[in-house]
Amino acid sequence: MTPQASPIVRAMVLRELEEGVKHDALWLQALSESKLDPTQTKLRYIALRSQAIQSNMKGLLIEQIRGAVAKDKQIR
């Protein structure tokens, strides 16, 4: 059993969907696993994307910190 994604991760996935961002490989996997059922595809995509973000959270945080530091250096 996979641990449930954190609230931050779920919010990130929701924001992506609201902005129309879909990761093609995960969307195709969700389509395949849901047998093209639109509701099931979306639910499966959300689960897959949440897992992907959760497993890469450390890398995403480092990326955000580096971006903030670079931006801060430009301001000074």
N, C-alpha and C. Protein backbone atom coordinates (compact mmCIF):
# COMPACT_ATOMS: atom_id res chain seq x y z
N MET A 1 0.84 -1.19 0.00
CA MET A 1 0.00 0.00 0.00
C MET A 1 0.89 1.25 0.00
N THR A 2 0.57 2.20 -0.87
CA THR A 2 1.34 3.44 -0.98
C THR A 2 0.80 4.46 0.00
N PRO A 3 1.69 5.20 0.68
CA PRO A 3 1.19 6.24 1.58
C PRO A 3 0.46 7.33 0.81
N GLN A 4 -0.53 7.91 1.45
CA GLN A 4 -1.31 8.96 0.80
C GLN A 4 -0.43 10.18 0.59
N ALA A 5 -0.63 10.84 -0.54
CA ALA A 5 0.14 12.04 -0.85
C ALA A 5 -0.19 13.15 0.15
N SER A 6 0.80 13.98 0.40
CA SER A 6 0.62 15.08 1.34
C SER A 6 -0.36 16.11 0.77
N PRO A 7 -0.93 16.94 1.62
CA PRO A 7 -1.84 18.00 1.14
C PRO A 7 -1.17 18.94 0.14
N ILE A 8 0.12 19.19 0.33
CA ILE A 8 0.84 20.06 -0.61
C ILE A 8 0.89 19.42 -1.99
N VAL A 9 1.16 18.13 -2.03
CA VAL A 9 1.24 17.41 -3.31
C VAL A 9 -0.13 17.40 -3.99
N ARG A 10 -1.18 17.13 -3.23
CA ARG A 10 -2.52 17.13 -3.82
C ARG A 10 -2.87 18.51 -4.37
N ALA A 11 -2.48 19.55 -3.67
CA ALA A 11 -2.73 20.92 -4.14
C ALA A 11 -1.96 21.20 -5.43
N MET A 12 -0.73 20.69 -5.51
CA MET A 12 0.06 20.88 -6.72
C MET A 12 -0.60 20.21 -7.92
N VAL A 13 -1.10 19.00 -7.72
CA VAL A 13 -1.76 18.27 -8.81
C VAL A 13 -3.03 19.01 -9.23
N LEU A 14 -3.80 19.46 -8.26
CA LEU A 14 -5.02 20.21 -8.57
C LEU A 14 -4.69 21.46 -9.37
N ARG A 15 -3.67 22.20 -8.95
CA ARG A 15 -3.28 23.42 -9.66
C ARG A 15 -2.86 23.11 -11.10
N GLU A 16 -2.10 22.03 -11.28
CA GLU A 16 -1.70 21.64 -12.63
C GLU A 16 -2.93 21.37 -13.50
N LEU A 17 -3.87 20.62 -12.96
CA LEU A 17 -5.07 20.30 -13.74
C LEU A 17 -5.88 21.55 -14.06
N GLU A 18 -5.99 22.47 -13.11
CA GLU A 18 -6.71 23.72 -13.34
C GLU A 18 -6.05 24.54 -14.45
N GLU A 19 -4.72 24.44 -14.55
CA GLU A 19 -3.97 25.17 -15.58
C GLU A 19 -3.89 24.40 -16.89
N GLY A 20 -4.48 23.21 -16.93
CA GLY A 20 -4.49 22.41 -18.16
C GLY A 20 -3.20 21.64 -18.41
N VAL A 21 -2.38 21.50 -17.38
CA VAL A 21 -1.11 20.78 -17.52
C VAL A 21 -1.36 19.29 -17.27
N LYS A 22 -0.97 18.48 -18.25
CA LYS A 22 -1.05 17.02 -18.10
C LYS A 22 0.26 16.44 -18.61
N HIS A 23 0.82 15.53 -17.87
CA HIS A 23 2.04 14.85 -18.28
C HIS A 23 1.63 13.66 -19.15
N ASP A 24 2.03 13.73 -20.41
CA ASP A 24 1.55 12.77 -21.42
C ASP A 24 1.74 11.31 -21.04
N ALA A 25 2.92 10.97 -20.57
CA ALA A 25 3.19 9.56 -20.24
C ALA A 25 2.25 9.06 -19.14
N LEU A 26 2.05 9.88 -18.12
CA LEU A 26 1.14 9.49 -17.03
C LEU A 26 -0.30 9.47 -17.51
N TRP A 27 -0.67 10.42 -18.35
CA TRP A 27 -2.05 10.46 -18.88
C TRP A 27 -2.33 9.21 -19.71
N LEU A 28 -1.38 8.83 -20.55
CA LEU A 28 -1.56 7.62 -21.36
C LEU A 28 -1.65 6.37 -20.48
N GLN A 29 -0.84 6.32 -19.44
CA GLN A 29 -0.91 5.19 -18.52
C GLN A 29 -2.28 5.15 -17.84
N ALA A 30 -2.76 6.31 -17.43
CA ALA A 30 -4.08 6.38 -16.78
C ALA A 30 -5.18 5.96 -17.75
N LEU A 31 -5.09 6.42 -18.99
CA LEU A 31 -6.08 6.02 -20.01
C LEU A 31 -6.10 4.51 -20.18
N SER A 32 -4.92 3.93 -20.29
CA SER A 32 -4.80 2.50 -20.48
C SER A 32 -5.36 1.72 -19.30
N GLU A 33 -5.00 2.14 -18.10
CA GLU A 33 -5.43 1.41 -16.91
C GLU A 33 -6.93 1.57 -16.63
N SER A 34 -7.52 2.67 -17.11
CA SER A 34 -8.94 2.91 -16.85
C SER A 34 -9.83 2.47 -18.00
N LYS A 35 -9.22 1.88 -19.02
CA LYS A 35 -9.97 1.42 -20.20
C LYS A 35 -10.77 2.56 -20.84
N LEU A 36 -10.16 3.74 -20.89
CA LEU A 36 -10.68 4.94 -21.54
C LEU A 36 -11.89 5.58 -20.85
N ASP A 37 -12.25 5.12 -19.66
CA ASP A 37 -13.34 5.74 -18.93
C ASP A 37 -12.86 7.12 -18.43
N PRO A 38 -13.51 8.21 -18.85
CA PRO A 38 -13.02 9.56 -18.52
C PRO A 38 -12.88 9.84 -17.03
N THR A 39 -13.86 9.45 -16.24
CA THR A 39 -13.79 9.71 -14.80
C THR A 39 -12.68 8.90 -14.15
N GLN A 40 -12.60 7.62 -14.50
CA GLN A 40 -11.57 6.76 -13.94
C GLN A 40 -10.17 7.19 -14.40
N THR A 41 -10.09 7.67 -15.65
CA THR A 41 -8.80 8.16 -16.17
C THR A 41 -8.31 9.32 -15.34
N LYS A 42 -9.19 10.27 -15.06
CA LYS A 42 -8.79 11.45 -14.28
C LYS A 42 -8.37 11.04 -12.86
N LEU A 43 -9.15 10.16 -12.24
CA LEU A 43 -8.80 9.70 -10.90
C LEU A 43 -7.46 8.97 -10.88
N ARG A 44 -7.24 8.12 -11.87
CA ARG A 44 -5.98 7.38 -11.94
C ARG A 44 -4.82 8.31 -12.22
N TYR A 45 -5.03 9.30 -13.09
CA TYR A 45 -3.98 10.28 -13.39
C TYR A 45 -3.59 11.04 -12.11
N ILE A 46 -4.58 11.46 -11.36
CA ILE A 46 -4.31 12.19 -10.12
C ILE A 46 -3.47 11.33 -9.18
N ALA A 47 -3.80 10.07 -9.07
CA ALA A 47 -3.03 9.17 -8.19
C ALA A 47 -1.60 8.99 -8.71
N LEU A 48 -1.46 8.79 -10.02
CA LEU A 48 -0.14 8.59 -10.60
C LEU A 48 0.72 9.85 -10.47
N ARG A 49 0.13 11.00 -10.75
CA ARG A 49 0.88 12.26 -10.69
C ARG A 49 1.26 12.57 -9.24
N SER A 50 0.36 12.30 -8.32
CA SER A 50 0.65 12.52 -6.90
C SER A 50 1.82 11.67 -6.46
N GLN A 51 1.83 10.40 -6.89
CA GLN A 51 2.94 9.50 -6.55
C GLN A 51 4.25 10.02 -7.13
N ALA A 52 4.20 10.49 -8.38
CA ALA A 52 5.41 10.99 -9.03
C ALA A 52 5.97 12.21 -8.31
N ILE A 53 5.10 13.12 -7.96
CA ILE A 53 5.55 14.32 -7.25
C ILE A 53 6.07 13.95 -5.87
N GLN A 54 5.33 13.12 -5.15
CA GLN A 54 5.72 12.73 -3.80
C GLN A 54 7.10 12.08 -3.80
N SER A 55 7.37 11.22 -4.77
CA SER A 55 8.65 10.53 -4.81
C SER A 55 9.79 11.46 -5.21
N ASN A 56 9.45 12.58 -5.86
CA ASN A 56 10.47 13.53 -6.30
C ASN A 56 10.44 14.82 -5.49
N MET A 57 9.81 14.80 -4.33
CA MET A 57 9.64 16.02 -3.54
C MET A 57 10.97 16.66 -3.17
N LYS A 58 11.94 15.87 -2.77
CA LYS A 58 13.24 16.43 -2.38
C LYS A 58 13.85 17.19 -3.56
N GLY A 59 13.84 16.59 -4.73
CA GLY A 59 14.39 17.25 -5.91
C GLY A 59 13.65 18.53 -6.25
N LEU A 60 12.32 18.51 -6.12
CA LEU A 60 11.53 19.71 -6.40
C LEU A 60 11.84 20.83 -5.41
N LEU A 61 12.01 20.48 -4.15
CA LEU A 61 12.34 21.49 -3.15
C LEU A 61 13.71 22.11 -3.41
N ILE A 62 14.67 21.28 -3.76
CA ILE A 62 16.01 21.79 -4.08
C ILE A 62 15.94 22.73 -5.28
N GLU A 63 15.17 22.35 -6.29
CA GLU A 63 15.00 23.18 -7.48
C GLU A 63 14.38 24.53 -7.12
N GLN A 64 13.38 24.53 -6.26
CA GLN A 64 12.73 25.77 -5.83
C GLN A 64 13.70 26.65 -5.05
N ILE A 65 14.47 26.05 -4.17
CA ILE A 65 15.44 26.81 -3.37
C ILE A 65 16.50 27.42 -4.27
N ARG A 66 17.01 26.64 -5.22
CA ARG A 66 18.03 27.17 -6.14
C ARG A 66 17.47 28.34 -6.96
N GLY A 67 16.23 28.20 -7.41
CA GLY A 67 15.60 29.29 -8.16
C GLY A 67 15.45 30.54 -7.32
N ALA A 68 15.06 30.37 -6.07
CA ALA A 68 14.89 31.52 -5.17
C ALA A 68 16.22 32.19 -4.89
N VAL A 69 17.27 31.39 -4.69
CA VAL A 69 18.60 31.94 -4.43
C VAL A 69 19.10 32.71 -5.65
N ALA A 70 18.91 32.14 -6.83
CA ALA A 70 19.34 32.81 -8.06
C ALA A 70 18.59 34.13 -8.24
N LYS A 71 17.30 34.12 -7.98
CA LYS A 71 16.50 35.33 -8.10
C LYS A 71 16.96 36.38 -7.09
N ASP A 72 17.27 35.94 -5.88
CA ASP A 72 17.74 36.84 -4.83
C ASP A 72 19.07 37.48 -5.24
N LYS A 73 19.96 36.71 -5.85
CA LYS A 73 21.25 37.23 -6.28
C LYS A 73 21.09 38.28 -7.37
N GLN A 74 20.08 38.11 -8.24
CA GLN A 74 19.82 39.08 -9.31
C GLN A 74 19.31 40.39 -8.75
N ILE A 75 18.54 40.32 -7.68
CA ILE A 75 17.96 41.53 -7.07
C ILE A 75 19.06 42.35 -6.39
N ARG A 76 20.03 41.70 -5.80
CA ARG A 76 21.08 42.41 -5.06
C ARG A 76 22.02 43.05 -5.96
